[in-house]
Protein backbone atom coordinates (compact mmCIF):
# COMPACT_ATOMS: atom_id res chain seq x y z
CA UNK A 1 0.00 0.00 0.00
CA UNK A 2 1.35 3.40 -1.01
CA UNK A 3 2.85 5.46 1.83
CA UNK A 4 0.99 8.75 2.28
CA UNK A 5 1.02 11.54 4.83
CA UNK A 6 -1.91 12.97 6.76
CA UNK A 7 -2.08 16.19 8.76
CA UNK A 8 -4.41 15.71 11.72
CA UNK A 9 -6.04 18.85 13.16
CA UNK A 10 -7.51 18.30 16.62
CA UNK A 11 -6.72 17.41 20.21
CA UNK A 12 -4.28 14.57 19.64
CA UNK A 13 -4.35 13.47 23.30
CA UNK A 14 -8.03 12.46 23.23
CA UNK A 15 -8.77 8.72 23.20
CA UNK A 16 -10.96 9.06 20.08
CA UNK A 17 -8.21 10.87 18.21
CA UNK A 18 -5.60 8.33 19.28
CA UNK A 19 -7.79 5.48 18.00
CA UNK A 20 -8.40 7.27 14.69
CA UNK A 21 -4.72 7.98 14.04
CA UNK A 22 -3.50 4.59 15.26
CA UNK A 23 -5.92 2.82 12.94
CA UNK A 24 -4.81 4.86 9.94
CA UNK A 25 -1.17 4.01 10.64
CA UNK A 26 -1.88 0.33 11.26
CA UNK A 27 -4.27 -0.38 8.41
CA UNK A 28 -3.52 2.35 5.89
CA UNK A 29 0.26 2.73 6.04
CA UNK A 30 -0.28 6.45 6.68
CA UNK A 31 2.26 8.74 8.26
CA UNK A 32 0.61 11.23 10.63
CA UNK A 33 1.66 14.72 11.65
CA UNK A 34 -0.50 16.78 14.02
CA UNK A 35 -1.42 20.34 14.90
CA UNK A 36 -3.71 21.59 17.66
CA UNK A 37 -4.56 24.72 19.59
CA UNK A 38 -2.29 25.12 22.60
CA UNK A 39 -4.68 27.11 24.82
CA UNK A 40 -7.19 25.11 26.86
CA UNK A 41 -10.85 26.10 27.00
CA UNK A 42 -11.49 25.71 30.73
CA UNK A 43 -11.67 29.33 31.96
CA UNK A 44 -13.13 32.57 30.62
CA UNK A 45 -9.70 34.18 30.17
CA UNK A 46 -8.43 31.06 28.43
CA UNK A 47 -11.42 31.04 26.10
CA UNK A 48 -10.55 34.56 24.93
CA UNK A 49 -6.93 33.50 24.36
CA UNK A 50 -8.11 30.41 22.51
CA UNK A 51 -10.30 32.53 20.20
CA UNK A 52 -7.32 34.74 19.39
CA UNK A 53 -5.16 31.68 18.76
CA UNK A 54 -7.87 30.28 16.50
CA UNK A 55 -8.00 33.49 14.46
CA UNK A 56 -4.28 33.23 13.72
CA UNK A 57 -4.31 29.42 13.36
CA UNK A 58 -4.50 29.40 9.52
CA UNK A 59 -1.01 30.95 9.35
CA UNK A 60 0.45 28.27 11.64
CA UNK A 61 -1.29 25.52 9.68
CA UNK A 62 -0.05 26.88 6.33
CA UNK A 63 3.48 26.79 7.75
CA UNK A 64 3.25 23.15 8.82
CA UNK A 65 1.75 22.26 5.42
CA UNK A 66 4.76 23.82 3.66
CA UNK A 67 7.12 21.84 5.90
CA UNK A 68 5.32 18.48 5.99
CA UNK A 69 3.63 18.49 2.53
CA UNK A 70 0.69 16.25 3.60
CA UNK A 71 -1.38 14.43 1.00
CA UNK A 72 -4.55 15.12 2.95
CA UNK A 73 -5.84 16.81 6.10
CA UNK A 74 -8.30 15.29 8.56
CA UNK A 75 -9.98 17.22 11.35
CA UNK A 76 -12.28 16.88 14.36
CA UNK A 77 -15.44 18.99 14.73
CA UNK A 78 -17.05 20.72 11.78
CA UNK A 79 -17.26 24.02 13.66
CA UNK A 80 -13.60 24.38 14.67
CA UNK A 81 -10.76 22.27 13.31
CA UNK A 82 -12.98 21.21 10.41
CA UNK A 83 -13.23 24.81 9.24
CA UNK A 84 -9.45 25.23 9.56
CA UNK A 85 -9.04 22.13 7.38
CA UNK A 86 -11.47 23.58 4.82
CA UNK A 87 -9.39 26.75 4.39
CA UNK A 88 -6.00 24.99 4.59
CA UNK A 89 -5.52 24.71 0.84
CA UNK A 90 -4.76 20.97 1.01
CA UNK A 91 -6.13 19.06 -1.98
CA UNK A 92 -8.02 16.39 -0.01
CA UNK A 93 -10.05 17.18 3.14
CA UNK A 94 -11.80 14.85 5.58
CA UNK A 95 -13.72 16.16 8.60
CA UNK A 96 -15.58 14.42 11.41
CA UNK A 97 -18.59 15.57 13.36
CA UNK A 98 -17.96 14.76 17.02
CA UNK A 99 -21.39 14.91 18.60
CA UNK A 100 -25.06 14.65 17.75
CA UNK A 101 -24.47 18.14 16.41
CA UNK A 102 -21.33 20.28 16.55
CA UNK A 103 -23.53 23.36 17.04
CA UNK A 104 -23.03 23.28 20.79
CA UNK A 105 -23.90 24.66 23.27
CA UNK A 106 -27.26 25.49 21.75
CA UNK A 107 -27.52 28.78 23.66
CA UNK A 108 -24.08 30.01 22.57
CA UNK A 109 -23.93 33.63 21.42
CA UNK A 110 -21.55 32.41 18.71
CA UNK A 111 -24.15 30.02 17.25
CA UNK A 112 -24.87 32.11 14.10
CA UNK A 113 -21.13 32.24 13.35
CA UNK A 114 -20.73 28.52 14.06
CA UNK A 115 -23.51 27.75 11.56
CA UNK A 116 -21.68 29.68 8.83
CA UNK A 117 -18.36 28.01 9.67
CA UNK A 118 -19.94 24.55 9.72
CA UNK A 119 -21.70 25.05 6.40
CA UNK A 120 -18.45 26.11 4.72
CA UNK A 121 -16.51 23.21 6.25
CA UNK A 122 -19.07 20.63 5.10
CA UNK A 123 -19.18 22.13 1.61
CA UNK A 124 -15.40 22.02 1.18
CA UNK A 125 -14.85 18.57 2.72
CA UNK A 126 -14.50 15.63 0.34
CA UNK A 127 -15.50 13.12 3.02
CA UNK A 128 -17.45 13.67 6.25
CA UNK A 129 -17.44 11.15 9.08
CA UNK A 130 -20.62 10.38 11.00
CA UNK A 131 -19.40 8.00 13.69
CA UNK A 132 -23.01 6.89 14.20
CA UNK A 133 -26.45 7.27 12.58
CA UNK A 134 -27.64 9.90 15.08
CA UNK A 135 -25.12 12.35 13.60
CA UNK A 136 -26.70 12.19 10.14
CA UNK A 137 -29.91 13.83 11.40
CA UNK A 138 -28.30 17.24 11.96
CA UNK A 139 -26.23 16.84 8.77
CA UNK A 140 -29.36 16.37 6.67
CA UNK A 141 -31.02 19.30 8.45
CA UNK A 142 -28.28 21.71 7.33
CA UNK A 143 -28.22 20.40 3.76
CA UNK A 144 -25.01 18.36 3.77
CA UNK A 145 -24.42 16.32 0.60
CA UNK A 146 -25.02 12.86 2.09
CA UNK A 147 -23.19 11.17 -0.77
CA UNK A 148 -19.92 12.18 0.86
CA UNK A 149 -20.89 11.06 4.37
CA UNK A 150 -19.41 7.83 5.72
CA UNK A 151 -21.46 6.37 8.59
CA UNK A 152 -19.32 3.99 10.63
CA UNK A 153 -17.85 4.04 14.16
CA UNK A 154 -14.08 3.77 14.59
CA UNK A 155 -14.75 0.75 16.76
CA UNK A 156 -12.83 -0.66 19.70
CA UNK A 157 -9.96 -3.12 19.98
CA UNK A 158 -11.67 -6.39 20.89
CA UNK A 159 -8.33 -7.97 21.79
CA UNK A 160 -8.23 -5.57 24.76
CA UNK A 161 -11.91 -5.25 25.59
CA UNK A 162 -13.14 -8.82 25.77
CA UNK A 163 -15.88 -10.73 27.49
CA UNK A 164 -15.46 -11.93 31.06
CA UNK A 165 -17.61 -13.83 33.53
CA UNK A 166 -18.74 -11.87 36.58
CA UNK A 167 -20.46 -13.93 39.27
CA UNK A 168 -20.71 -11.15 41.84
CA UNK A 169 -23.76 -11.30 44.09
CA UNK A 170 -24.00 -7.51 44.26
CA UNK A 171 -24.06 -4.57 41.88
CA UNK A 172 -20.53 -3.79 40.68
CA UNK A 173 -21.09 -0.62 38.67
CA UNK A 174 -18.65 1.49 36.68
CA UNK A 175 -18.73 4.94 35.07
CA UNK A 176 -16.00 5.81 32.57
CA UNK A 177 -17.11 9.25 31.42
CA UNK A 178 -15.23 12.51 32.01
CA UNK A 179 -16.10 14.21 35.29
CA UNK A 180 -17.78 17.19 33.62
CA UNK A 181 -21.29 18.61 34.26
CA UNK A 182 -22.83 17.23 31.06
CA UNK A 183 -22.23 13.64 32.21
CA UNK A 184 -24.53 14.02 35.21
CA UNK A 185 -22.56 12.07 37.81
CA UNK A 186 -24.65 13.81 40.52
CA UNK A 187 -27.72 11.96 39.31
CA UNK A 188 -25.90 8.64 39.45
CA UNK A 189 -24.66 9.17 43.00
CA UNK A 190 -28.18 10.11 44.15
CA UNK A 191 -29.54 6.92 42.57
CA UNK A 192 -27.01 4.81 44.45
CA UNK A 193 -27.89 6.60 47.68
CA UNK A 194 -31.44 5.28 47.15
CA UNK A 195 -30.07 1.76 46.67
CA UNK A 196 -28.08 2.12 49.88
CA UNK A 197 -31.19 3.13 51.83
CA UNK A 198 -33.00 0.09 50.45
CA UNK A 199 -30.21 -2.15 51.71
CA UNK A 200 -28.99 -3.16 48.24
CA UNK A 201 -25.26 -3.83 48.30
CA UNK A 202 -23.02 -2.29 45.64
CA UNK A 203 -19.62 -0.96 44.67
CA UNK A 204 -19.46 2.05 42.35
CA UNK A 205 -16.23 2.84 40.48
CA UNK A 206 -15.96 6.29 38.93
CA UNK A 207 -13.10 6.43 36.44
CA UNK A 208 -11.36 9.56 35.25
CA UNK A 209 -10.86 13.19 36.11
CA UNK A 210 -12.59 16.48 35.47
CA UNK A 211 -13.84 19.74 36.93
CA UNK A 212 -16.45 17.99 39.11
CA UNK A 213 -14.13 15.60 40.94
CA UNK A 214 -14.00 17.37 44.30
CA UNK A 215 -17.70 18.23 44.17
CA UNK A 216 -18.58 14.58 43.54
CA UNK A 217 -16.39 13.36 46.38
CA UNK A 218 -18.16 15.76 48.74
CA UNK A 219 -21.56 14.67 47.42
CA UNK A 220 -20.73 10.98 48.01
CA UNK A 221 -19.82 11.86 51.60
CA UNK A 222 -22.99 13.93 52.04
CA UNK A 223 -25.06 10.98 50.78
CA UNK A 224 -23.15 8.69 53.17
CA UNK A 225 -22.03 6.30 50.41
CA UNK A 226 -18.35 7.33 50.31
CA UNK A 227 -17.24 3.88 51.52
CA UNK A 228 -18.86 2.24 48.51
CA UNK A 229 -17.65 4.70 45.87
CA UNK A 230 -14.15 4.55 44.39
CA UNK A 231 -12.76 7.55 42.49
CA UNK A 232 -9.82 6.26 40.45
CA UNK A 233 -8.76 9.62 39.01
CA UNK A 234 -7.08 9.58 35.60
CA UNK A 235 -5.87 6.12 34.62
CA UNK A 236 -3.86 4.63 31.77
CA UNK A 237 -5.96 3.19 28.91
CA UNK A 238 -4.28 -0.17 29.57
CA UNK A 239 -5.93 -0.32 33.02
CA UNK A 240 -9.46 0.35 31.82
CA UNK A 241 -10.27 -3.09 30.32
CA UNK A 242 -9.51 -4.82 33.62
CA UNK A 243 -11.76 -2.42 35.55
CA UNK A 244 -14.59 -3.04 33.08
CA UNK A 245 -14.16 -6.82 33.43
CA UNK A 246 -14.59 -6.49 37.20
CA UNK A 247 -17.93 -4.67 36.74
CA UNK A 248 -21.36 -6.05 35.86
CA UNK A 249 -23.16 -2.71 35.26
CA UNK A 250 -22.11 0.22 33.10
CA UNK A 251 -23.79 3.57 33.75
CA UNK A 252 -23.68 6.67 31.58
CA UNK A 253 -26.14 9.54 31.93
CA UNK A 254 -24.99 12.34 29.58
CA UNK A 255 -27.33 15.08 28.45
CA UNK A 256 -25.96 14.89 24.91
CA UNK A 257 -24.16 12.14 23.00
CA UNK A 258 -22.90 11.37 19.53
CA UNK A 259 -21.23 7.98 19.58
CA UNK A 260 -19.78 6.63 22.82
CA UNK A 261 -16.76 4.36 22.44
CA UNK A 262 -16.98 3.80 26.19
CA UNK A 263 -20.41 2.22 25.73
CA UNK A 264 -18.98 -0.21 23.16
CA UNK A 265 -16.09 -1.01 25.51
CA UNK A 266 -18.51 -1.81 28.32
CA UNK A 267 -20.71 -3.93 26.06
CA UNK A 268 -17.67 -5.90 24.90
CA UNK A 269 -16.70 -6.59 28.53
CA UNK A 270 -20.17 -7.92 29.41
CA UNK A 271 -21.31 -4.93 31.46
CA UNK A 272 -25.07 -4.40 31.39
CA UNK A 273 -25.66 -0.82 30.09
CA UNK A 274 -27.96 1.62 31.87
CA UNK A 275 -27.77 4.91 29.95
CA UNK A 276 -29.64 8.16 29.37
CA UNK A 277 -32.60 8.14 26.99
CA UNK A 278 -31.18 10.37 24.27
CA UNK A 279 -30.80 9.82 20.49
CA UNK A 280 -27.09 8.98 20.66
CA UNK A 281 -27.79 6.07 23.00
CA UNK A 282 -31.05 5.04 21.32
CA UNK A 283 -28.98 4.11 18.24
CA UNK A 284 -27.44 1.22 20.17
CA UNK A 285 -29.71 0.44 23.15
CA UNK A 286 -33.34 -0.68 23.15
CA UNK A 287 -35.04 -0.29 26.52
CA UNK A 288 -35.24 -3.53 28.52
CA UNK A 289 -33.99 -5.44 25.48
CA UNK A 290 -30.22 -5.02 25.53
CA UNK A 291 -30.01 -2.42 28.29
CA UNK A 292 -32.05 0.36 29.83
CA UNK A 293 -32.78 3.94 28.77
CA UNK A 294 -33.37 6.43 31.59
CA UNK A 295 -34.70 10.03 31.37
CA UNK A 296 -31.96 12.62 31.93
CA UNK A 297 -31.47 13.57 35.60
CA UNK A 298 -34.18 11.19 36.87
CA UNK A 299 -32.29 9.48 39.68
CA UNK A 300 -35.41 7.77 41.01
CA UNK A 301 -35.97 5.99 37.68
CA UNK A 302 -32.26 5.22 37.49
CA UNK A 303 -32.43 3.57 40.91
CA UNK A 304 -35.56 1.62 39.89
CA UNK A 305 -33.84 0.47 36.67
CA UNK A 306 -30.79 -0.78 38.55
CA UNK A 307 -32.95 -2.70 41.02
CA UNK A 308 -35.11 -4.21 38.26
CA UNK A 309 -32.05 -5.24 36.23
CA UNK A 310 -30.29 -6.74 39.24
CA UNK A 311 -33.39 -8.76 40.17
CA UNK A 312 -33.72 -10.12 36.60
CA UNK A 313 -30.37 -11.84 35.95
CA UNK A 314 -31.70 -14.00 33.11
CA UNK A 315 -32.81 -10.96 31.11
CA UNK A 316 -29.56 -9.22 31.97
CA UNK A 317 -27.51 -12.18 30.74
CA UNK A 318 -29.54 -12.34 27.53
CA UNK A 319 -28.77 -8.65 26.92
CA UNK A 320 -25.08 -9.20 27.60
CA UNK A 321 -24.90 -12.00 25.01
CA UNK A 322 -26.78 -9.86 22.49
CA UNK A 323 -24.45 -6.88 23.07
CA UNK A 324 -21.33 -9.01 22.68
CA UNK A 325 -22.50 -10.14 19.25
CA UNK A 326 -23.47 -6.59 18.27
CA UNK A 327 -20.05 -5.16 19.14
CA UNK A 328 -18.24 -7.94 17.28
CA UNK A 329 -20.32 -7.29 14.15
CA UNK A 330 -20.51 -3.48 14.22
CA UNK A 331 -17.76 -1.98 16.36
CA UNK A 332 -14.65 -4.05 15.64
CA UNK A 333 -11.77 -1.58 15.35
CA UNK A 334 -9.73 -3.92 13.13
CA UNK A 335 -12.55 -4.16 10.59
CA UNK A 336 -13.89 -0.61 10.75
CA UNK A 337 -10.55 1.19 10.67
CA UNK A 338 -9.46 -0.87 7.67
CA UNK A 339 -12.62 0.23 5.85
CA UNK A 340 -11.90 3.86 6.78
CA UNK A 341 -8.22 3.65 5.75
CA UNK A 342 -9.16 2.06 2.40
CA UNK A 343 -11.71 4.83 1.85
CA UNK A 344 -8.97 7.45 2.36
CA UNK A 345 -6.70 5.79 -0.22
CA UNK A 346 -9.61 5.55 -2.64
CA UNK A 347 -10.33 9.24 -2.14
CA UNK A 348 -6.69 10.19 -2.66
CA UNK A 349 -6.48 8.08 -5.82
CA UNK A 350 -9.56 9.83 -7.24
CA UNK A 351 -8.15 13.27 -6.48
CA UNK A 352 -4.56 12.68 -7.60
């Protein structure tokens, strides 16, 4: 396979980005160079600096293009790095929508500008990734040419995330989402406080870091469940599969979702999924069939769902078997990333 070079625009440290780039190297013989904004987006003063950096970003990107001479550019988010890719001048452009819609937050004062930027990025891109079907809804709504949209998740490495047998007689739950407000960890802790009051035994492992870490620790103490909740902090990706194999329930209650690799990872490791009832999760989970869908922020219903699932092990085991098959057929990294890499070579051949 011909050796080609890709310039990746986006946060290269993110797990999704790492999977994307690793797959292109492994299955497409691509060489990858990267560029990303250096200023974080976590404070108001930083956001202003980041906007300024973004304004001058095209000059920095043009410089790296002159030095690296990439055959194509790929980019995360149609409203940010995707736009920078669209104006980069590189002959072949691929962009990926990251969420249900990249027009987020919906009450942003910059929304009119983001709509213009997104429309231009989608028009200029030669291929647009929708990592799941829920993403195509907003694409169609803004008039994207669906002939250049590829709908397929990057998938997960099934040699790492594999099925295990968990014979625990109590709820061993795990959350692997970032500790940010949109993932609603408060709701989950309140649900487990209800379980505790009902005398239902459990362990809850909360993986990762984020702005809500200290708040959540204090909330666990306030709810008097701190002895049953483990906060791991940030961990290496190599540790995650083992933690998932020790769990029998996976919980994720985000208010918005595109495609969750963490859900696939949990399904592959035989964790029963209890997730928020939003379009991004509805693409993969059918209520009380292969998991449970819970209204956002409804900790009473979340508690009821956990109790019902725990008291129905036969239905839970049936769902686990079903999910294992689904992941193998639809979210196998080694299959999906080869398809994506081949698509890139095909695109480059057409445009050469």
